[in-house]
Amino acid sequence: MPHIVVKFYPGTPEENKVKIAEGITKLIQEQTGKPEEYISVAIEEVDEAVWMDEVYNKEIKPNFEKLYKKPGY
């Protein structure tokens, strides 16, 4: 606890994904006080052609009021 899932379009280099996961882990540690070994981060690439159906319509739109950072599209 906690487990974070980040989704974005394909194409981000693996080294950048590692840095993103490290940055998220550090931020979560700082803000929750949880030790690093309690935190997990997954990165899922979702093709742009299916983003609206697979991510926006299924995950973002139904939970819009729960989002602390809302998309602008």
N, C-alpha and C. Protein backbone atom coordinates (compact mmCIF):
# COMPACT_ATOMS: atom_id res chain seq x y z
N MET A 1 0.86 -1.17 0.00
CA MET A 1 0.00 0.00 0.00
C MET A 1 0.89 1.22 0.00
N PRO A 2 0.81 2.12 -0.85
CA PRO A 2 -0.11 2.21 -1.98
C PRO A 2 0.46 1.60 -3.27
N HIS A 3 -0.47 1.34 -4.18
CA HIS A 3 -0.12 0.88 -5.52
C HIS A 3 -0.61 1.93 -6.50
N ILE A 4 0.27 2.39 -7.36
CA ILE A 4 -0.05 3.45 -8.33
C ILE A 4 0.09 2.88 -9.73
N VAL A 5 -0.91 3.17 -10.58
CA VAL A 5 -0.86 2.77 -11.97
C VAL A 5 -0.85 4.03 -12.82
N VAL A 6 0.14 4.15 -13.68
CA VAL A 6 0.26 5.28 -14.58
C VAL A 6 0.04 4.77 -16.00
N LYS A 7 -0.83 5.43 -16.74
CA LYS A 7 -1.11 5.02 -18.11
C LYS A 7 -0.80 6.17 -19.05
N PHE A 8 -0.13 5.85 -20.14
CA PHE A 8 0.11 6.85 -21.18
C PHE A 8 0.38 6.16 -22.49
N TYR A 9 0.46 6.98 -23.54
CA TYR A 9 0.69 6.45 -24.88
C TYR A 9 2.05 5.75 -24.96
N PRO A 10 2.18 4.78 -25.83
CA PRO A 10 3.46 4.10 -26.04
C PRO A 10 4.53 5.07 -26.56
N GLY A 11 5.77 4.70 -26.31
CA GLY A 11 6.87 5.48 -26.88
C GLY A 11 7.83 6.06 -25.86
N THR A 12 7.46 6.07 -24.60
CA THR A 12 8.37 6.59 -23.60
C THR A 12 9.50 5.59 -23.38
N PRO A 13 10.74 6.03 -23.47
CA PRO A 13 11.87 5.10 -23.27
C PRO A 13 11.85 4.46 -21.88
N GLU A 14 12.35 3.24 -21.81
CA GLU A 14 12.36 2.48 -20.56
C GLU A 14 13.08 3.24 -19.44
N GLU A 15 14.18 3.91 -19.77
CA GLU A 15 14.91 4.66 -18.74
C GLU A 15 14.06 5.79 -18.17
N ASN A 16 13.20 6.39 -18.98
CA ASN A 16 12.30 7.44 -18.49
C ASN A 16 11.22 6.84 -17.59
N LYS A 17 10.74 5.65 -17.95
CA LYS A 17 9.73 4.99 -17.11
C LYS A 17 10.29 4.69 -15.73
N VAL A 18 11.53 4.25 -15.69
CA VAL A 18 12.19 3.98 -14.41
C VAL A 18 12.27 5.26 -13.59
N LYS A 19 12.66 6.37 -14.22
CA LYS A 19 12.76 7.65 -13.52
C LYS A 19 11.39 8.13 -13.04
N ILE A 20 10.37 7.94 -13.86
CA ILE A 20 9.00 8.30 -13.46
C ILE A 20 8.59 7.51 -12.22
N ALA A 21 8.82 6.19 -12.25
CA ALA A 21 8.45 5.35 -11.10
C ALA A 21 9.23 5.76 -9.85
N GLU A 22 10.51 6.07 -10.02
CA GLU A 22 11.32 6.51 -8.88
C GLU A 22 10.81 7.83 -8.31
N GLY A 23 10.44 8.75 -9.20
CA GLY A 23 9.94 10.05 -8.76
C GLY A 23 8.60 9.93 -8.04
N ILE A 24 7.72 9.11 -8.57
CA ILE A 24 6.42 8.89 -7.92
C ILE A 24 6.64 8.24 -6.56
N THR A 25 7.52 7.25 -6.50
CA THR A 25 7.80 6.58 -5.23
C THR A 25 8.30 7.57 -4.18
N LYS A 26 9.22 8.42 -4.57
CA LYS A 26 9.77 9.41 -3.64
C LYS A 26 8.68 10.37 -3.16
N LEU A 27 7.86 10.83 -4.06
CA LEU A 27 6.78 11.75 -3.70
C LEU A 27 5.78 11.09 -2.74
N ILE A 28 5.41 9.86 -3.04
CA ILE A 28 4.47 9.14 -2.17
C ILE A 28 5.08 8.95 -0.78
N GLN A 29 6.36 8.60 -0.74
CA GLN A 29 7.06 8.46 0.55
C GLN A 29 6.98 9.76 1.35
N GLU A 30 7.31 10.86 0.69
CA GLU A 30 7.33 12.16 1.35
C GLU A 30 5.95 12.56 1.87
N GLN A 31 4.92 12.29 1.10
CA GLN A 31 3.59 12.77 1.43
C GLN A 31 2.78 11.83 2.33
N THR A 32 3.16 10.55 2.37
CA THR A 32 2.39 9.60 3.19
C THR A 32 3.18 9.04 4.36
N GLY A 33 4.51 9.16 4.30
CA GLY A 33 5.32 8.59 5.34
C GLY A 33 5.49 7.08 5.24
N LYS A 34 5.01 6.49 4.16
CA LYS A 34 5.12 5.04 3.97
C LYS A 34 6.54 4.70 3.51
N PRO A 35 7.08 3.59 3.96
CA PRO A 35 8.41 3.20 3.50
C PRO A 35 8.39 2.74 2.04
N GLU A 36 9.54 2.87 1.39
CA GLU A 36 9.66 2.54 -0.03
C GLU A 36 9.17 1.13 -0.34
N GLU A 37 9.46 0.18 0.54
CA GLU A 37 9.10 -1.20 0.26
C GLU A 37 7.59 -1.44 0.29
N TYR A 38 6.80 -0.48 0.73
CA TYR A 38 5.34 -0.61 0.73
C TYR A 38 4.73 -0.09 -0.57
N ILE A 39 5.50 0.59 -1.38
CA ILE A 39 4.98 1.29 -2.56
C ILE A 39 5.29 0.50 -3.82
N SER A 40 4.29 0.38 -4.69
CA SER A 40 4.51 -0.23 -6.01
C SER A 40 3.96 0.71 -7.08
N VAL A 41 4.64 0.71 -8.22
CA VAL A 41 4.25 1.57 -9.33
C VAL A 41 4.25 0.74 -10.61
N ALA A 42 3.13 0.77 -11.32
CA ALA A 42 3.03 0.10 -12.62
C ALA A 42 2.86 1.16 -13.70
N ILE A 43 3.44 0.91 -14.85
CA ILE A 43 3.26 1.79 -15.99
C ILE A 43 2.69 0.96 -17.12
N GLU A 44 1.53 1.41 -17.61
CA GLU A 44 0.86 0.71 -18.69
C GLU A 44 0.78 1.63 -19.91
N GLU A 45 1.21 1.12 -21.03
CA GLU A 45 1.09 1.89 -22.27
C GLU A 45 -0.23 1.53 -22.93
N VAL A 46 -0.96 2.56 -23.33
CA VAL A 46 -2.26 2.37 -23.98
C VAL A 46 -2.21 3.12 -25.31
N ASP A 47 -2.48 2.42 -26.37
CA ASP A 47 -2.44 3.03 -27.70
C ASP A 47 -3.43 4.18 -27.81
N GLU A 48 -3.01 5.22 -28.48
CA GLU A 48 -3.85 6.41 -28.65
C GLU A 48 -5.20 6.06 -29.28
N ALA A 49 -5.21 5.09 -30.18
CA ALA A 49 -6.45 4.72 -30.88
C ALA A 49 -7.53 4.17 -29.95
N VAL A 50 -7.11 3.63 -28.81
CA VAL A 50 -8.10 3.05 -27.88
C VAL A 50 -8.18 3.80 -26.55
N TRP A 51 -7.43 4.88 -26.42
CA TRP A 51 -7.40 5.62 -25.15
C TRP A 51 -8.79 6.05 -24.70
N MET A 52 -9.56 6.64 -25.56
CA MET A 52 -10.87 7.14 -25.15
C MET A 52 -11.76 6.01 -24.66
N ASP A 53 -11.79 4.90 -25.37
CA ASP A 53 -12.63 3.77 -24.96
C ASP A 53 -12.09 3.05 -23.73
N GLU A 54 -10.80 2.77 -23.74
CA GLU A 54 -10.22 1.94 -22.70
C GLU A 54 -9.88 2.68 -21.40
N VAL A 55 -9.51 3.93 -21.51
CA VAL A 55 -9.10 4.66 -20.31
C VAL A 55 -10.11 5.75 -19.94
N TYR A 56 -10.36 6.67 -20.87
CA TYR A 56 -11.23 7.80 -20.53
C TYR A 56 -12.64 7.34 -20.17
N ASN A 57 -13.27 6.60 -21.05
CA ASN A 57 -14.67 6.21 -20.82
C ASN A 57 -14.84 5.20 -19.69
N LYS A 58 -13.84 4.35 -19.46
CA LYS A 58 -13.97 3.32 -18.43
C LYS A 58 -13.44 3.73 -17.06
N GLU A 59 -12.44 4.61 -17.05
CA GLU A 59 -11.80 4.93 -15.77
C GLU A 59 -11.91 6.40 -15.36
N ILE A 60 -11.71 7.29 -16.32
CA ILE A 60 -11.70 8.72 -15.98
C ILE A 60 -13.12 9.27 -15.85
N LYS A 61 -13.89 9.16 -16.90
CA LYS A 61 -15.23 9.76 -16.92
C LYS A 61 -16.12 9.29 -15.76
N PRO A 62 -16.21 7.98 -15.49
CA PRO A 62 -17.08 7.56 -14.39
C PRO A 62 -16.60 8.00 -13.00
N ASN A 63 -15.35 8.36 -12.90
CA ASN A 63 -14.77 8.75 -11.60
C ASN A 63 -14.32 10.20 -11.58
N PHE A 64 -14.87 11.00 -12.47
CA PHE A 64 -14.40 12.37 -12.65
C PHE A 64 -14.39 13.17 -11.34
N GLU A 65 -15.41 13.02 -10.53
CA GLU A 65 -15.48 13.80 -9.29
C GLU A 65 -14.46 13.36 -8.25
N LYS A 66 -13.90 12.17 -8.40
CA LYS A 66 -12.90 11.66 -7.46
C LYS A 66 -11.48 12.08 -7.84
N LEU A 67 -11.31 12.60 -9.06
CA LEU A 67 -9.97 12.95 -9.54
C LEU A 67 -9.46 14.22 -8.85
N TYR A 68 -8.25 14.17 -8.36
CA TYR A 68 -7.62 15.35 -7.77
C TYR A 68 -6.97 16.20 -8.84
N LYS A 69 -6.66 15.59 -9.97
CA LYS A 69 -6.15 16.31 -11.13
C LYS A 69 -6.96 15.82 -12.31
N LYS A 70 -7.79 16.70 -12.86
CA LYS A 70 -8.66 16.34 -13.98
C LYS A 70 -8.01 16.69 -15.32
N PRO A 71 -8.24 15.86 -16.33
CA PRO A 71 -7.69 16.18 -17.65
C PRO A 71 -8.44 17.35 -18.27
N GLY A 72 -7.81 18.00 -19.21
CA GLY A 72 -8.43 19.14 -19.88
C GLY A 72 -8.94 18.83 -21.27
N TYR A 73 -9.21 17.56 -21.55
CA TYR A 73 -9.72 17.20 -22.87
C TYR A 73 -11.10 16.63 -22.76
